[in-house]
Amino acid sequence: MKTIDLATIEQPVEKLLDLAEHEGILIRLPNGKMFLITSIKDEGESEEDFADEIARTRQNAALMDLLRDRVQEKKRLTSEEMRKRLGLD
């Protein structure tokens, strides 16, 4: 998986999607937020291919570390707090 720091590299979305077609991309924004872009399934692929992709993703140590860290984060929002933030109350 590649990590792209958008603070230093400007890439058109189309180019990022082309990269993600072959290899997952972790995008890090200047504010620290991160996003994972990966291709999941072409119309011609079978369910077995998708299961193989899930298995390979689980073997991605960097992604699994990131997800473990996210689970450990203490800050959580209740649905009520989230509604307020989104202006839905």
Protein backbone atom coordinates (compact mmCIF):
# COMPACT_ATOMS: atom_id res chain seq x y z
CA MET A 1 0.00 0.00 0.00
CA LYS A 2 1.24 3.47 -0.84
CA THR A 3 0.87 6.47 1.48
CA ILE A 4 0.39 9.83 -0.20
CA ASP A 5 0.82 13.02 1.81
CA LEU A 6 -1.43 15.61 0.18
CA ALA A 7 0.43 18.43 1.93
CA THR A 8 3.33 17.90 -0.43
CA ILE A 9 1.89 16.20 -3.51
CA GLU A 10 -1.05 17.42 -5.57
CA GLN A 11 -2.65 14.64 -7.57
CA PRO A 12 -5.78 14.72 -9.69
CA VAL A 13 -8.44 12.37 -8.33
CA GLU A 14 -8.40 10.38 -11.56
CA LYS A 15 -4.69 9.60 -11.13
CA LEU A 16 -5.25 8.53 -7.51
CA LEU A 17 -8.03 6.18 -8.62
CA ASP A 18 -5.76 4.74 -11.33
CA LEU A 19 -3.13 4.04 -8.65
CA ALA A 20 -5.75 2.50 -6.34
CA GLU A 21 -6.81 0.10 -9.08
CA HIS A 22 -3.58 -1.88 -8.61
CA GLU A 23 -2.61 -1.11 -5.01
CA GLY A 24 -4.37 0.40 -1.99
CA ILE A 25 -3.57 4.04 -1.27
CA LEU A 26 -3.55 5.68 2.15
CA ILE A 27 -4.11 9.44 1.80
CA ARG A 28 -3.00 11.70 4.62
CA LEU A 29 -4.37 15.27 4.68
CA PRO A 30 -2.48 18.20 6.22
CA ASN A 31 -4.91 18.14 9.18
CA GLY A 32 -3.92 14.53 9.96
CA LYS A 33 -7.07 12.85 8.66
CA MET A 34 -6.44 9.70 6.64
CA PHE A 35 -8.44 7.92 3.98
CA LEU A 36 -7.97 4.53 2.33
CA ILE A 37 -8.72 4.20 -1.38
CA THR A 38 -8.75 0.73 -2.87
CA SER A 39 -10.46 -1.02 -5.74
CA ILE A 40 -12.85 -3.66 -4.48
CA LYS A 41 -14.41 -5.56 -7.35
CA ASP A 42 -14.72 -5.39 -11.11
CA GLU A 43 -17.87 -6.72 -12.72
CA GLY A 44 -15.92 -9.70 -14.10
CA GLU A 45 -14.50 -10.74 -10.73
CA SER A 46 -16.05 -13.50 -8.70
CA GLU A 47 -16.97 -13.49 -5.02
CA GLU A 48 -13.93 -15.70 -4.45
CA ASP A 49 -11.68 -12.94 -5.86
CA PHE A 50 -13.25 -10.49 -3.42
CA ALA A 51 -12.64 -12.88 -0.52
CA ASP A 52 -9.00 -13.16 -1.61
CA GLU A 53 -8.72 -9.37 -1.63
CA ILE A 54 -10.13 -9.21 1.92
CA ALA A 55 -7.58 -11.82 3.04
CA ARG A 56 -4.73 -9.81 1.46
CA THR A 57 -6.01 -6.62 3.09
CA ARG A 58 -5.99 -8.31 6.49
CA GLN A 59 -2.33 -9.20 5.91
CA ASN A 60 -1.48 -5.53 5.36
CA ALA A 61 0.37 -4.75 8.59
CA ALA A 62 0.30 -0.94 8.13
CA LEU A 63 -3.47 -0.90 7.63
CA MET A 64 -4.11 -3.26 10.54
CA ASP A 65 -1.92 -1.08 12.80
CA LEU A 66 -3.86 2.00 11.72
CA LEU A 67 -7.20 0.32 12.44
CA ARG A 68 -5.96 -0.93 15.84
CA ASP A 69 -4.87 2.61 16.73
CA ARG A 70 -8.24 4.01 15.67
CA VAL A 71 -10.08 1.52 17.86
CA GLN A 72 -7.99 2.63 20.85
CA GLU A 73 -8.89 6.31 20.44
CA LYS A 74 -10.71 7.53 23.54
CA LYS A 75 -12.77 10.29 21.94
CA ARG A 76 -16.20 9.00 20.99
CA LEU A 77 -19.34 10.90 20.10
CA THR A 78 -22.85 9.91 21.02
CA SER A 79 -25.48 9.98 18.30
CA GLU A 80 -26.90 13.11 19.98
CA GLU A 81 -23.50 14.87 19.86
CA MET A 82 -23.09 13.92 16.22
CA ARG A 83 -26.55 15.24 15.33
CA LYS A 84 -25.65 18.56 16.97
CA ARG A 85 -22.38 18.76 15.05
CA LEU A 86 -24.17 18.04 11.80
CA GLY A 87 -26.98 20.49 12.58
CA LEU A 88 -29.61 17.76 12.59
CA ASP A 89 -31.04 18.36 16.06
